[in-house]
Amino acid sequence: MFYGEGLALTSAALWGSIPILVRKGLPYASASVAVVVGLLASLPLLVGVFLLHPHAVTEVVAPQAALWFAAVGITGPCLGRLFNYIGIARLGAARATPLINSSPLLTTLLALVFLREQITFKILLGVICMVAGIIVLTRQRAA
């Protein structure tokens, strides 16, 4: 019953630890080095998932899906991570992370424009709260 919630909270905990780990490593290397090392470190896990998957990738991924998923790989783990790390380096983990996590705001706007999804009152209220938080954070002076 709580399996999905447990996975989501585990994901949140893992994602939440990333800015701290990045901030600890950035004094010793650049953000681009951090991205490359991070991607290389995840490679053994990726190979393991690939080898243990019950079906060949060509059996379960349509060519159209492969193109969209390739775009995901370029934007998220590569470019998104690079800008994430640069933001942490310049602002610090505590200030950069809420701004980085404003992605639901951008996702909502993109879903409205490109997917023609309906925006409910609750979604609109959440977006307004995110915008207010971003305004508060960007007006705060760096410590």
N, C-alpha and C. Protein backbone atom coordinates (compact mmCIF):
# COMPACT_ATOMS: atom_id res chain seq x y z
N MET A 1 0.82 -1.19 0.00
CA MET A 1 0.00 0.00 0.00
C MET A 1 0.87 1.26 0.00
N PHE A 2 1.95 1.26 0.75
CA PHE A 2 2.83 2.43 0.84
C PHE A 2 4.08 2.26 0.00
N TYR A 3 4.09 1.27 -0.89
CA TYR A 3 5.26 0.99 -1.71
C TYR A 3 5.65 2.19 -2.57
N GLY A 4 4.66 2.76 -3.28
CA GLY A 4 4.94 3.92 -4.14
C GLY A 4 5.41 5.12 -3.34
N GLU A 5 4.76 5.35 -2.20
CA GLU A 5 5.17 6.47 -1.36
C GLU A 5 6.58 6.27 -0.82
N GLY A 6 6.90 5.05 -0.45
CA GLY A 6 8.25 4.74 0.04
C GLY A 6 9.30 4.99 -1.03
N LEU A 7 8.99 4.57 -2.26
CA LEU A 7 9.92 4.81 -3.35
C LEU A 7 10.09 6.31 -3.60
N ALA A 8 8.98 7.05 -3.57
CA ALA A 8 9.05 8.49 -3.80
C ALA A 8 9.86 9.18 -2.71
N LEU A 9 9.66 8.79 -1.46
CA LEU A 9 10.42 9.40 -0.35
C LEU A 9 11.90 9.01 -0.41
N THR A 10 12.18 7.77 -0.81
CA THR A 10 13.57 7.36 -0.98
C THR A 10 14.23 8.18 -2.08
N SER A 11 13.50 8.37 -3.17
CA SER A 11 14.02 9.21 -4.25
C SER A 11 14.27 10.63 -3.76
N ALA A 12 13.34 11.18 -2.99
CA ALA A 12 13.52 12.53 -2.45
C ALA A 12 14.75 12.61 -1.56
N ALA A 13 14.95 11.60 -0.74
CA ALA A 13 16.13 11.59 0.15
C ALA A 13 17.42 11.53 -0.66
N LEU A 14 17.44 10.70 -1.69
CA LEU A 14 18.64 10.60 -2.53
C LEU A 14 18.89 11.89 -3.29
N TRP A 15 17.85 12.47 -3.91
CA TRP A 15 18.00 13.73 -4.62
C TRP A 15 18.38 14.84 -3.66
N GLY A 16 17.84 14.81 -2.44
CA GLY A 16 18.15 15.83 -1.45
C GLY A 16 19.59 15.79 -0.97
N SER A 17 20.21 14.62 -1.05
CA SER A 17 21.61 14.51 -0.61
C SER A 17 22.59 15.00 -1.66
N ILE A 18 22.15 15.07 -2.91
CA ILE A 18 23.06 15.44 -4.00
C ILE A 18 23.69 16.82 -3.82
N PRO A 19 22.91 17.88 -3.51
CA PRO A 19 23.56 19.19 -3.36
C PRO A 19 24.61 19.22 -2.26
N ILE A 20 24.41 18.47 -1.20
CA ILE A 20 25.39 18.42 -0.11
C ILE A 20 26.67 17.75 -0.60
N LEU A 21 26.52 16.63 -1.29
CA LEU A 21 27.69 15.91 -1.80
C LEU A 21 28.43 16.75 -2.84
N VAL A 22 27.67 17.42 -3.70
CA VAL A 22 28.29 18.28 -4.72
C VAL A 22 29.05 19.42 -4.05
N ARG A 23 28.44 20.05 -3.08
CA ARG A 23 29.08 21.18 -2.40
C ARG A 23 30.38 20.74 -1.72
N LYS A 24 30.40 19.52 -1.19
CA LYS A 24 31.62 19.00 -0.55
C LYS A 24 32.72 18.76 -1.58
N GLY A 25 32.37 18.36 -2.80
CA GLY A 25 33.37 18.05 -3.81
C GLY A 25 33.81 19.23 -4.66
N LEU A 26 32.97 20.25 -4.80
CA LEU A 26 33.29 21.36 -5.70
C LEU A 26 34.54 22.16 -5.34
N PRO A 27 34.96 22.23 -4.08
CA PRO A 27 36.22 22.94 -3.83
C PRO A 27 37.44 22.27 -4.49
N TYR A 28 37.28 21.02 -4.89
CA TYR A 28 38.41 20.27 -5.43
C TYR A 28 38.33 20.05 -6.94
N ALA A 29 37.22 20.44 -7.57
CA ALA A 29 37.06 20.23 -9.01
C ALA A 29 35.96 21.15 -9.54
N SER A 30 35.87 21.27 -10.85
CA SER A 30 34.84 22.11 -11.47
C SER A 30 33.53 21.35 -11.60
N ALA A 31 32.47 22.09 -11.93
CA ALA A 31 31.16 21.48 -12.11
C ALA A 31 31.16 20.49 -13.28
N SER A 32 31.87 20.81 -14.35
CA SER A 32 31.90 19.90 -15.49
C SER A 32 32.61 18.58 -15.14
N VAL A 33 33.65 18.67 -14.34
CA VAL A 33 34.33 17.45 -13.87
C VAL A 33 33.37 16.64 -12.99
N ALA A 34 32.60 17.32 -12.15
CA ALA A 34 31.64 16.63 -11.28
C ALA A 34 30.60 15.88 -12.11
N VAL A 35 30.14 16.48 -13.19
CA VAL A 35 29.16 15.82 -14.06
C VAL A 35 29.76 14.57 -14.69
N VAL A 36 30.96 14.70 -15.23
CA VAL A 36 31.60 13.56 -15.89
C VAL A 36 31.84 12.43 -14.89
N VAL A 37 32.39 12.75 -13.74
CA VAL A 37 32.66 11.71 -12.74
C VAL A 37 31.36 11.07 -12.27
N GLY A 38 30.32 11.89 -12.06
CA GLY A 38 29.02 11.35 -11.64
C GLY A 38 28.42 10.41 -12.68
N LEU A 39 28.51 10.80 -13.94
CA LEU A 39 27.98 9.94 -15.00
C LEU A 39 28.78 8.65 -15.11
N LEU A 40 30.10 8.74 -15.00
CA LEU A 40 30.93 7.54 -15.04
C LEU A 40 30.67 6.63 -13.85
N ALA A 41 30.42 7.22 -12.69
CA ALA A 41 30.14 6.42 -11.50
C ALA A 41 28.82 5.67 -11.61
N SER A 42 27.87 6.23 -12.36
CA SER A 42 26.58 5.56 -12.52
C SER A 42 26.60 4.50 -13.61
N LEU A 43 27.65 4.47 -14.40
CA LEU A 43 27.74 3.53 -15.51
C LEU A 43 27.64 2.05 -15.08
N PRO A 44 28.34 1.60 -14.03
CA PRO A 44 28.20 0.19 -13.64
C PRO A 44 26.76 -0.19 -13.28
N LEU A 45 26.04 0.72 -12.61
CA LEU A 45 24.65 0.46 -12.28
C LEU A 45 23.81 0.36 -13.55
N LEU A 46 24.05 1.25 -14.49
CA LEU A 46 23.33 1.22 -15.75
C LEU A 46 23.58 -0.08 -16.50
N VAL A 47 24.82 -0.53 -16.54
CA VAL A 47 25.15 -1.79 -17.20
C VAL A 47 24.44 -2.95 -16.50
N GLY A 48 24.42 -2.93 -15.18
CA GLY A 48 23.73 -3.98 -14.43
C GLY A 48 22.25 -4.02 -14.73
N VAL A 49 21.60 -2.88 -14.76
CA VAL A 49 20.17 -2.83 -15.09
C VAL A 49 19.95 -3.34 -16.51
N PHE A 50 20.80 -2.92 -17.43
CA PHE A 50 20.69 -3.35 -18.81
C PHE A 50 20.82 -4.87 -18.93
N LEU A 51 21.81 -5.44 -18.25
CA LEU A 51 22.04 -6.89 -18.34
C LEU A 51 20.96 -7.70 -17.65
N LEU A 52 20.38 -7.17 -16.58
CA LEU A 52 19.38 -7.90 -15.81
C LEU A 52 17.96 -7.69 -16.33
N HIS A 53 17.77 -6.78 -17.27
CA HIS A 53 16.43 -6.54 -17.80
C HIS A 53 15.95 -7.80 -18.52
N PRO A 54 14.69 -8.21 -18.29
CA PRO A 54 14.23 -9.49 -18.86
C PRO A 54 14.06 -9.50 -20.37
N HIS A 55 14.01 -8.34 -21.02
CA HIS A 55 13.82 -8.28 -22.47
C HIS A 55 14.90 -7.40 -23.08
N ALA A 56 15.22 -7.69 -24.33
CA ALA A 56 16.16 -6.83 -25.06
C ALA A 56 15.55 -5.44 -25.20
N VAL A 57 16.36 -4.42 -25.16
CA VAL A 57 15.88 -3.04 -25.25
C VAL A 57 15.07 -2.83 -26.52
N THR A 58 15.48 -3.44 -27.62
CA THR A 58 14.76 -3.27 -28.88
C THR A 58 13.36 -3.87 -28.83
N GLU A 59 13.10 -4.79 -27.88
CA GLU A 59 11.78 -5.39 -27.76
C GLU A 59 10.82 -4.50 -26.97
N VAL A 60 11.33 -3.65 -26.11
CA VAL A 60 10.45 -2.89 -25.22
C VAL A 60 10.45 -1.38 -25.47
N VAL A 61 11.30 -0.89 -26.36
CA VAL A 61 11.37 0.54 -26.61
C VAL A 61 11.12 0.80 -28.10
N ALA A 62 10.02 1.49 -28.38
CA ALA A 62 9.72 1.88 -29.76
C ALA A 62 10.71 2.98 -30.17
N PRO A 63 11.03 3.07 -31.46
CA PRO A 63 11.98 4.08 -31.92
C PRO A 63 11.58 5.51 -31.51
N GLN A 64 10.28 5.82 -31.56
CA GLN A 64 9.82 7.15 -31.17
C GLN A 64 10.12 7.41 -29.69
N ALA A 65 9.89 6.41 -28.87
CA ALA A 65 10.17 6.55 -27.43
C ALA A 65 11.66 6.70 -27.20
N ALA A 66 12.47 5.97 -27.95
CA ALA A 66 13.92 6.04 -27.78
C ALA A 66 14.42 7.46 -28.04
N LEU A 67 13.87 8.14 -29.04
CA LEU A 67 14.28 9.51 -29.32
C LEU A 67 13.93 10.45 -28.16
N TRP A 68 12.72 10.31 -27.63
CA TRP A 68 12.31 11.17 -26.50
C TRP A 68 13.16 10.87 -25.27
N PHE A 69 13.42 9.58 -25.02
CA PHE A 69 14.23 9.21 -23.85
C PHE A 69 15.67 9.66 -24.02
N ALA A 70 16.17 9.66 -25.24
CA ALA A 70 17.52 10.18 -25.49
C ALA A 70 17.56 11.67 -25.17
N ALA A 71 16.52 12.39 -25.53
CA ALA A 71 16.44 13.82 -25.18
C ALA A 71 16.43 14.01 -23.67
N VAL A 72 15.76 13.11 -22.97
CA VAL A 72 15.75 13.15 -21.50
C VAL A 72 17.17 12.98 -20.97
N GLY A 73 17.91 12.03 -21.51
CA GLY A 73 19.28 11.78 -21.06
C GLY A 73 20.20 12.97 -21.29
N ILE A 74 19.98 13.68 -22.37
CA ILE A 74 20.81 14.84 -22.66
C ILE A 74 20.44 16.01 -21.74
N THR A 75 19.15 16.26 -21.59
CA THR A 75 18.73 17.43 -20.80
C THR A 75 18.90 17.23 -19.31
N GLY A 76 18.54 16.06 -18.78
CA GLY A 76 18.58 15.86 -17.33
C GLY A 76 19.95 15.53 -16.77
N PRO A 77 20.41 14.31 -16.98
CA PRO A 77 21.68 13.90 -16.38
C PRO A 77 22.89 14.68 -16.87
N CYS A 78 22.82 15.23 -18.05
CA CYS A 78 24.00 15.92 -18.57
C CYS A 78 23.89 17.44 -18.38
N LEU A 79 23.08 18.11 -19.17
CA LEU A 79 23.00 19.56 -19.09
C LEU A 79 22.35 20.05 -17.79
N GLY A 80 21.27 19.41 -17.39
CA GLY A 80 20.60 19.80 -16.15
C GLY A 80 21.53 19.67 -14.95
N ARG A 81 22.25 18.57 -14.91
CA ARG A 81 23.18 18.35 -13.81
C ARG A 81 24.31 19.37 -13.82
N LEU A 82 24.82 19.72 -15.00
CA LEU A 82 25.89 20.71 -15.11
C LEU A 82 25.44 22.06 -14.54
N PHE A 83 24.28 22.54 -14.97
CA PHE A 83 23.78 23.83 -14.48
C PHE A 83 23.41 23.76 -13.00
N ASN A 84 22.93 22.60 -12.57
CA ASN A 84 22.64 22.37 -11.16
C ASN A 84 23.90 22.57 -10.32
N TYR A 85 24.97 21.93 -10.72
CA TYR A 85 26.23 22.00 -9.96
C TYR A 85 26.83 23.40 -9.99
N ILE A 86 26.73 24.08 -11.14
CA ILE A 86 27.24 25.45 -11.21
C ILE A 86 26.42 26.35 -10.29
N GLY A 87 25.11 26.16 -10.26
CA GLY A 87 24.26 26.93 -9.35
C GLY A 87 24.63 26.70 -7.89
N ILE A 88 24.90 25.46 -7.52
CA ILE A 88 25.30 25.13 -6.15
C ILE A 88 26.65 25.78 -5.83
N ALA A 89 27.56 25.76 -6.80
CA ALA A 89 28.89 26.35 -6.58
C ALA A 89 28.78 27.85 -6.34
N ARG A 90 27.89 28.52 -7.06
CA ARG A 90 27.80 29.98 -6.96
C ARG A 90 26.89 30.48 -5.85
N LEU A 91 25.83 29.72 -5.55
CA LEU A 91 24.86 30.18 -4.56
C LEU A 91 24.95 29.45 -3.23
N GLY A 92 25.50 28.25 -3.25
CA GLY A 92 25.47 27.39 -2.07
C GLY A 92 24.30 26.43 -2.19
N ALA A 93 24.36 25.33 -1.45
CA ALA A 93 23.34 24.29 -1.56
C ALA A 93 21.98 24.77 -1.07
N ALA A 94 21.95 25.51 0.04
CA ALA A 94 20.67 25.91 0.63
C ALA A 94 19.91 26.91 -0.24
N ARG A 95 20.60 27.81 -0.92
CA ARG A 95 19.91 28.79 -1.77
C ARG A 95 19.63 28.25 -3.16
N ALA A 96 20.54 27.44 -3.70
CA ALA A 96 20.37 26.97 -5.08
C ALA A 96 19.29 25.89 -5.19
N THR A 97 19.21 25.02 -4.21
CA THR A 97 18.30 23.88 -4.33
C THR A 97 16.84 24.27 -4.49
N PRO A 98 16.30 25.21 -3.71
CA PRO A 98 14.90 25.58 -3.96
C PRO A 98 14.68 26.16 -5.36
N LEU A 99 15.65 26.90 -5.86
CA LEU A 99 15.52 27.44 -7.21
C LEU A 99 15.60 26.33 -8.25
N ILE A 100 16.52 25.41 -8.04
CA ILE A 100 16.66 24.27 -8.95
C ILE A 100 15.38 23.43 -8.91
N ASN A 101 14.80 23.32 -7.73
CA ASN A 101 13.59 22.51 -7.58
C ASN A 101 12.32 23.26 -7.98
N SER A 102 12.47 24.37 -8.68
CA SER A 102 11.30 25.05 -9.23
C SER A 102 10.88 24.40 -10.55
N SER A 103 11.47 23.27 -10.85
CA SER A 103 11.14 22.58 -12.11
C SER A 103 9.65 22.28 -12.25
N PRO A 104 8.89 22.02 -11.18
CA PRO A 104 7.44 21.83 -11.39
C PRO A 104 6.76 23.05 -12.01
N LEU A 105 7.25 24.25 -11.70
CA LEU A 105 6.70 25.46 -12.31
C LEU A 105 6.92 25.41 -13.82
N LEU A 106 8.14 25.12 -14.24
CA LEU A 106 8.44 25.05 -15.66
C LEU A 106 7.71 23.88 -16.33
N THR A 107 7.62 22.76 -15.63
CA THR A 107 6.91 21.60 -16.16
C THR A 107 5.44 21.93 -16.38
N THR A 108 4.84 22.65 -15.43
CA THR A 108 3.44 23.03 -15.56
C THR A 108 3.23 23.91 -16.79
N LEU A 109 4.10 24.89 -16.97
CA LEU A 109 3.98 25.78 -18.13
C LEU A 109 4.18 25.02 -19.44
N LEU A 110 5.18 24.15 -19.47
CA LEU A 110 5.44 23.37 -20.69
C LEU A 110 4.31 22.38 -20.97
N ALA A 111 3.76 21.77 -19.93
CA ALA A 111 2.64 20.83 -20.11
C ALA A 111 1.41 21.56 -20.64
N LEU A 112 1.20 22.78 -20.18
CA LEU A 112 0.08 23.58 -20.65
C LEU A 112 0.25 23.91 -22.13
N VAL A 113 1.44 24.33 -22.52
CA VAL A 113 1.69 24.76 -23.90
C VAL A 113 1.80 23.58 -24.86
N PHE A 114 2.63 22.59 -24.52
CA PHE A 114 2.93 21.53 -25.48
C PHE A 114 2.02 20.31 -25.38
N LEU A 115 1.52 20.02 -24.18
CA LEU A 115 0.67 18.84 -24.01
C LEU A 115 -0.81 19.20 -23.86
N ARG A 116 -1.08 20.49 -23.78
CA ARG A 116 -2.44 21.00 -23.61
C ARG A 116 -3.14 20.42 -22.39
N GLU A 117 -2.37 20.24 -21.32
CA GLU A 117 -2.94 19.72 -20.08
C GLU A 117 -3.73 20.82 -19.38
N GLN A 118 -4.73 20.39 -18.63
CA GLN A 118 -5.57 21.32 -17.89
C GLN A 118 -4.89 21.70 -16.58
N ILE A 119 -4.95 22.97 -16.23
CA ILE A 119 -4.38 23.45 -14.98
C ILE A 119 -5.51 23.61 -13.98
N THR A 120 -5.49 22.81 -12.92
CA THR A 120 -6.53 22.88 -11.90
C THR A 120 -6.20 23.97 -10.87
N PHE A 121 -7.16 24.25 -10.01
CA PHE A 121 -6.95 25.25 -8.96
C PHE A 121 -5.78 24.86 -8.06
N LYS A 122 -5.70 23.59 -7.69
CA LYS A 122 -4.62 23.13 -6.81
C LYS A 122 -3.26 23.30 -7.48
N ILE A 123 -3.19 22.98 -8.76
CA ILE A 123 -1.92 23.15 -9.48
C ILE A 123 -1.56 24.62 -9.55
N LEU A 124 -2.54 25.47 -9.86
CA LEU A 124 -2.30 26.91 -9.93
C LEU A 124 -1.84 27.45 -8.58
N LEU A 125 -2.47 27.00 -7.50
CA LEU A 125 -2.08 27.43 -6.16
C LEU A 125 -0.64 27.01 -5.86
N GLY A 126 -0.28 25.80 -6.23
CA GLY A 126 1.09 25.32 -6.04
C GLY A 126 2.09 26.15 -6.82
N VAL A 127 1.75 26.50 -8.05
CA VAL A 127 2.63 27.32 -8.89
C VAL A 127 2.81 28.69 -8.27
N ILE A 128 1.74 29.28 -7.77
CA ILE A 128 1.82 30.59 -7.12
C ILE A 128 2.73 30.53 -5.89
N CYS A 129 2.61 29.47 -5.11
CA CYS A 129 3.48 29.30 -3.94
C CYS A 129 4.95 29.17 -4.35
N MET A 130 5.21 28.44 -5.43
CA MET A 130 6.59 28.31 -5.90
C MET A 130 7.15 29.65 -6.36
N VAL A 131 6.35 30.41 -7.10
CA VAL A 131 6.81 31.72 -7.55
C VAL A 131 7.09 32.63 -6.37
N ALA A 132 6.22 32.59 -5.37
CA ALA A 132 6.44 33.41 -4.17
C ALA A 132 7.74 32.99 -3.47
N GLY A 133 7.99 31.70 -3.37
CA GLY A 133 9.22 31.22 -2.75
C GLY A 133 10.46 31.64 -3.53
N ILE A 134 10.38 31.58 -4.84
CA ILE A 134 11.51 32.00 -5.68
C ILE A 134 11.78 33.49 -5.47
N ILE A 135 10.72 34.29 -5.41
CA ILE A 135 10.89 35.73 -5.19
C ILE A 135 11.55 35.99 -3.85
N VAL A 136 11.10 35.31 -2.81
CA VAL A 136 11.70 35.48 -1.48
C VAL A 136 13.17 35.10 -1.50
N LEU A 137 13.49 33.97 -2.11
CA LEU A 137 14.88 33.50 -2.13
C LEU A 137 15.80 34.40 -2.95
N THR A 138 15.32 34.89 -4.08
CA THR A 138 16.19 35.70 -4.92
C THR A 138 16.40 37.09 -4.37
N ARG A 139 15.54 37.56 -3.48
CA ARG A 139 15.72 38.86 -2.84
C ARG A 139 16.61 38.77 -1.62
N GLN A 140 16.85 37.56 -1.14
CA GLN A 140 17.69 37.34 0.04
C GLN A 140 19.15 37.49 -0.36
N ARG A 141 19.90 38.18 0.45
CA ARG A 141 21.34 38.35 0.18
C ARG A 141 22.08 37.07 0.52
N ALA A 142 23.13 36.79 -0.23
CA ALA A 142 23.96 35.61 0.05
C ALA A 142 24.67 35.80 1.37
N ALA A 143 24.76 34.71 2.13
CA ALA A 143 25.41 34.77 3.44
C ALA A 143 26.91 34.80 3.30
